[in-house]
C-alpha atoms as a PDB file:
ATOM      1  CA  MET A   1      36.223  30.618 -72.860  1.00  0.00           C
ATOM      2  CA  VAL A   2      38.093  32.321 -70.024  1.00  0.00           C
ATOM      3  CA  VAL A   3      37.442  36.017 -69.350  1.00  0.00           C
ATOM      4  CA  VAL A   4      38.815  38.712 -67.065  1.00  0.00           C
ATOM      5  CA  ARG A   5      35.925  40.700 -65.601  1.00  0.00           C
ATOM      6  CA  LEU A   6      34.538  42.389 -62.485  1.00  0.00           C
ATOM      7  CA  ALA A   7      32.736  40.584 -59.664  1.00  0.00           C
ATOM      8  CA  ARG A   8      30.715  42.850 -57.389  1.00  0.00           C
ATOM      9  CA  GLY A   9      31.069  42.883 -53.634  1.00  0.00           C
ATOM     10  CA  GLY A  10      30.473  45.393 -50.881  1.00  0.00           C
ATOM     11  CA  ALA A  11      27.164  46.568 -49.498  1.00  0.00           C
ATOM     12  CA  LYS A  12      24.151  48.368 -50.848  1.00  0.00           C
ATOM     13  CA  ALA A  13      25.214  51.813 -52.114  1.00  0.00           C
ATOM     14  CA  ARG A  14      28.901  50.982 -51.313  1.00  0.00           C
ATOM     15  CA  PRO A  15      30.170  48.967 -54.294  1.00  0.00           C
ATOM     16  CA  PHE A  16      33.484  47.152 -54.355  1.00  0.00           C
ATOM     17  CA  PHE A  17      34.651  45.076 -57.305  1.00  0.00           C
ATOM     18  CA  ASN A  18      37.138  42.227 -57.537  1.00  0.00           C
ATOM     19  CA  ILE A  19      38.926  41.772 -60.850  1.00  0.00           C
ATOM     20  CA  VAL A  20      38.684  38.039 -61.470  1.00  0.00           C
ATOM     21  CA  VAL A  21      39.546  35.418 -64.076  1.00  0.00           C
ATOM     22  CA  THR A  22      36.560  33.169 -64.654  1.00  0.00           C
ATOM     23  CA  ASP A  23      34.768  30.955 -67.130  1.00  0.00           C
ATOM     24  CA  LYS A  24      32.457  33.010 -69.331  1.00  0.00           C
ATOM     25  CA  ARG A  25      29.488  30.763 -68.458  1.00  0.00           C
ATOM     26  CA  SER A  26      29.698  31.338 -64.701  1.00  0.00           C
ATOM     27  CA  ARG A  27      27.592  33.972 -62.978  1.00  0.00           C
ATOM     28  CA  ARG A  28      28.947  37.461 -62.304  1.00  0.00           C
ATOM     29  CA  ASP A  29      29.531  36.855 -58.609  1.00  0.00           C
ATOM     30  CA  GLY A  30      29.871  33.079 -58.827  1.00  0.00           C
ATOM     31  CA  ASN A  31      32.894  30.809 -58.970  1.00  0.00           C
ATOM     32  CA  PHE A  32      36.137  32.189 -60.324  1.00  0.00           C
ATOM     33  CA  ILE A  33      39.564  30.788 -61.159  1.00  0.00           C
ATOM     34  CA  GLU A  34      41.746  33.549 -59.737  1.00  0.00           C
ATOM     35  CA  ARG A  35      41.407  37.016 -58.194  1.00  0.00           C
ATOM     36  CA  ILE A  36      43.991  39.324 -59.776  1.00  0.00           C
ATOM     37  CA  GLY A  37      43.015  42.687 -58.320  1.00  0.00           C
ATOM     38  CA  PHE A  38      40.296  45.008 -57.106  1.00  0.00           C
ATOM     39  CA  TYR A  39      38.549  48.275 -57.981  1.00  0.00           C
ATOM     40  CA  ASN A  40      37.015  50.611 -55.393  1.00  0.00           C
ATOM     41  CA  PRO A  41      34.995  53.279 -57.239  1.00  0.00           C
ATOM     42  CA  ILE A  42      34.266  55.297 -54.094  1.00  0.00           C
ATOM     43  CA  ALA A  43      37.819  55.517 -52.717  1.00  0.00           C
ATOM     44  CA  ARG A  44      38.494  58.798 -50.916  1.00  0.00           C
ATOM     45  CA  GLY A  45      41.720  60.629 -50.162  1.00  0.00           C
ATOM     46  CA  GLN A  46      44.691  58.314 -49.745  1.00  0.00           C
ATOM     47  CA  GLU A  47      42.686  55.098 -50.189  1.00  0.00           C
ATOM     48  CA  GLU A  48      43.803  52.869 -53.031  1.00  0.00           C
ATOM     49  CA  SER A  49      41.148  52.794 -55.756  1.00  0.00           C
ATOM     50  CA  ILE A  50      42.610  50.129 -58.034  1.00  0.00           C
ATOM     51  CA  ARG A  51      45.173  47.354 -57.644  1.00  0.00           C
ATOM     52  CA  LEU A  52      46.060  44.931 -60.395  1.00  0.00           C
ATOM     53  CA  ASN A  53      48.601  42.109 -60.539  1.00  0.00           C
ATOM     54  CA  GLN A  54      50.156  42.836 -63.947  1.00  0.00           C
ATOM     55  CA  ASP A  55      52.155  39.574 -64.028  1.00  0.00           C
ATOM     56  CA  ARG A  56      49.032  37.440 -63.703  1.00  0.00           C
ATOM     57  CA  LEU A  57      47.113  39.608 -66.178  1.00  0.00           C
ATOM     58  CA  THR A  58      49.893  39.158 -68.732  1.00  0.00           C
ATOM     59  CA  TYR A  59      49.870  35.404 -68.120  1.00  0.00           C
ATOM     60  CA  TRP A  60      46.108  35.066 -68.600  1.00  0.00           C
ATOM     61  CA  ARG A  61      46.138  37.193 -71.738  1.00  0.00           C
ATOM     62  CA  GLY A  62      48.967  35.014 -73.035  1.00  0.00           C
ATOM     63  CA  VAL A  63      46.904  31.850 -72.681  1.00  0.00           C
ATOM     64  CA  GLY A  64      43.928  33.397 -74.491  1.00  0.00           C
ATOM     65  CA  ALA A  65      41.742  35.010 -71.839  1.00  0.00           C
ATOM     66  CA  GLN A  66      39.497  37.790 -73.129  1.00  0.00           C
ATOM     67  CA  VAL A  67      39.329  41.052 -71.161  1.00  0.00           C
ATOM     68  CA  SER A  68      35.970  42.787 -70.674  1.00  0.00           C
ATOM     69  CA  PRO A  69      35.681  46.387 -71.952  1.00  0.00           C
ATOM     70  CA  THR A  70      35.292  47.741 -68.419  1.00  0.00           C
ATOM     71  CA  VAL A  71      38.400  45.961 -67.163  1.00  0.00           C
ATOM     72  CA  GLU A  72      40.288  47.157 -70.255  1.00  0.00           C
ATOM     73  CA  ARG A  73      39.363  50.742 -69.321  1.00  0.00           C
ATOM     74  CA  LEU A  74      40.508  50.176 -65.723  1.00  0.00           C
ATOM     75  CA  ILE A  75      43.842  48.758 -66.925  1.00  0.00           C
ATOM     76  CA  LYS A  76      44.463  51.924 -68.930  1.00  0.00           C
ATOM     77  CA  GLN A  77      43.413  54.051 -65.935  1.00  0.00           C
ATOM     78  CA  ALA A  78      45.827  52.158 -63.649  1.00  0.00           C
ATOM     79  CA  GLY A  79      48.621  52.629 -66.180  1.00  0.00           C
ATOM     80  CA  LYS A  80      48.102  56.393 -66.249  1.00  0.00           C
ATOM     81  CA  ALA A  81      48.034  56.555 -62.435  1.00  0.00           C
ATOM     82  CA  ALA A  82      51.295  54.577 -62.175  1.00  0.00           C
ATOM     83  CA  ALA A  83      53.099  56.837 -64.683  1.00  0.00           C
END
Protein backbone atom coordinates (compact mmCIF):
# COMPACT_ATOMS: atom_id res chain seq x y z
CA MET A 1 0.00 0.00 0.00
CA VAL A 2 1.18 3.52 -0.79
CA VAL A 3 0.93 6.20 1.91
CA VAL A 4 1.54 9.93 2.20
CA ARG A 5 3.41 10.64 5.44
CA LEU A 6 6.16 12.68 7.09
CA ALA A 7 9.87 11.85 6.92
CA ARG A 8 11.99 13.58 9.54
CA GLY A 9 15.08 15.59 8.73
CA GLY A 10 16.95 18.44 10.34
CA ALA A 11 19.16 18.32 13.40
CA LYS A 12 18.70 17.48 17.04
CA ALA A 13 16.15 19.88 18.57
CA ARG A 14 15.58 21.49 15.10
CA PRO A 15 13.08 19.23 13.32
CA PHE A 16 12.20 19.52 9.65
CA PHE A 17 9.79 17.18 7.91
CA ASN A 18 9.41 16.24 4.25
CA ILE A 19 5.96 15.19 3.10
CA VAL A 20 6.63 12.08 1.04
CA VAL A 21 4.80 9.35 -0.86
CA THR A 22 6.19 5.97 0.11
CA ASP A 23 5.44 2.29 0.47
CA LYS A 24 3.88 1.57 3.85
CA ARG A 25 6.52 -1.10 4.59
CA SER A 26 9.50 1.23 4.23
CA ARG A 27 11.07 2.92 7.23
CA ARG A 28 10.07 6.44 8.27
CA ASP A 29 13.20 8.07 6.89
CA GLY A 30 13.99 5.41 4.30
CA ASN A 31 13.29 5.20 0.59
CA PHE A 32 10.39 7.14 -0.83
CA ILE A 33 8.68 7.42 -4.21
CA GLU A 34 8.19 11.19 -4.37
CA ARG A 35 8.64 14.27 -2.17
CA ILE A 36 5.53 16.45 -2.47
CA GLY A 37 6.19 19.10 0.16
CA PHE A 38 7.67 20.02 3.51
CA TYR A 39 6.67 21.09 7.02
CA ASN A 40 8.84 23.27 9.27
CA PRO A 41 7.28 23.31 12.76
CA ILE A 42 9.70 25.92 14.11
CA ALA A 43 9.37 28.51 11.31
CA ARG A 44 9.67 32.08 12.58
CA GLY A 45 8.46 35.36 11.14
CA GLN A 46 8.29 35.36 7.35
CA GLU A 47 9.68 31.83 6.94
CA GLU A 48 7.42 29.40 5.12
CA SER A 49 6.18 26.72 7.52
CA ILE A 50 4.41 24.42 5.07
CA ARG A 51 4.51 23.87 1.32
CA LEU A 52 2.49 21.23 -0.46
CA ASN A 53 2.16 20.38 -4.15
CA GLN A 54 -1.63 20.03 -4.38
CA ASP A 55 -1.56 18.62 -7.94
CA ARG A 56 0.63 15.69 -6.92
CA LEU A 57 -1.36 15.11 -3.73
CA THR A 58 -4.57 14.93 -5.76
CA TYR A 59 -2.92 12.50 -8.18
CA TRP A 60 -1.69 10.16 -5.43
CA ARG A 61 -5.04 10.20 -3.66
CA GLY A 62 -6.68 9.40 -6.99
CA VAL A 63 -4.59 6.26 -7.44
CA GLY A 64 -5.39 5.03 -3.92
CA ALA A 65 -2.68 6.40 -1.64
CA GLN A 66 -3.69 6.67 2.01
CA VAL A 67 -2.89 9.90 3.89
CA SER A 68 -1.61 9.72 7.47
CA PRO A 69 -3.66 11.57 10.13
CA THR A 70 -0.85 14.06 10.75
CA VAL A 71 -0.51 14.91 7.07
CA GLU A 72 -4.31 15.22 6.83
CA ARG A 73 -4.18 17.80 9.64
CA LEU A 74 -1.38 19.70 7.87
CA ILE A 75 -3.37 19.74 4.61
CA LYS A 76 -6.29 21.37 6.41
CA GLN A 77 -3.90 23.83 8.10
CA ALA A 78 -2.36 24.76 4.72
CA GLY A 79 -5.83 25.26 3.25
CA LYS A 80 -6.79 27.69 6.01
CA ALA A 81 -3.51 29.62 5.60
CA ALA A 82 -4.04 29.93 1.82
CA ALA A 83 -7.61 31.24 2.23
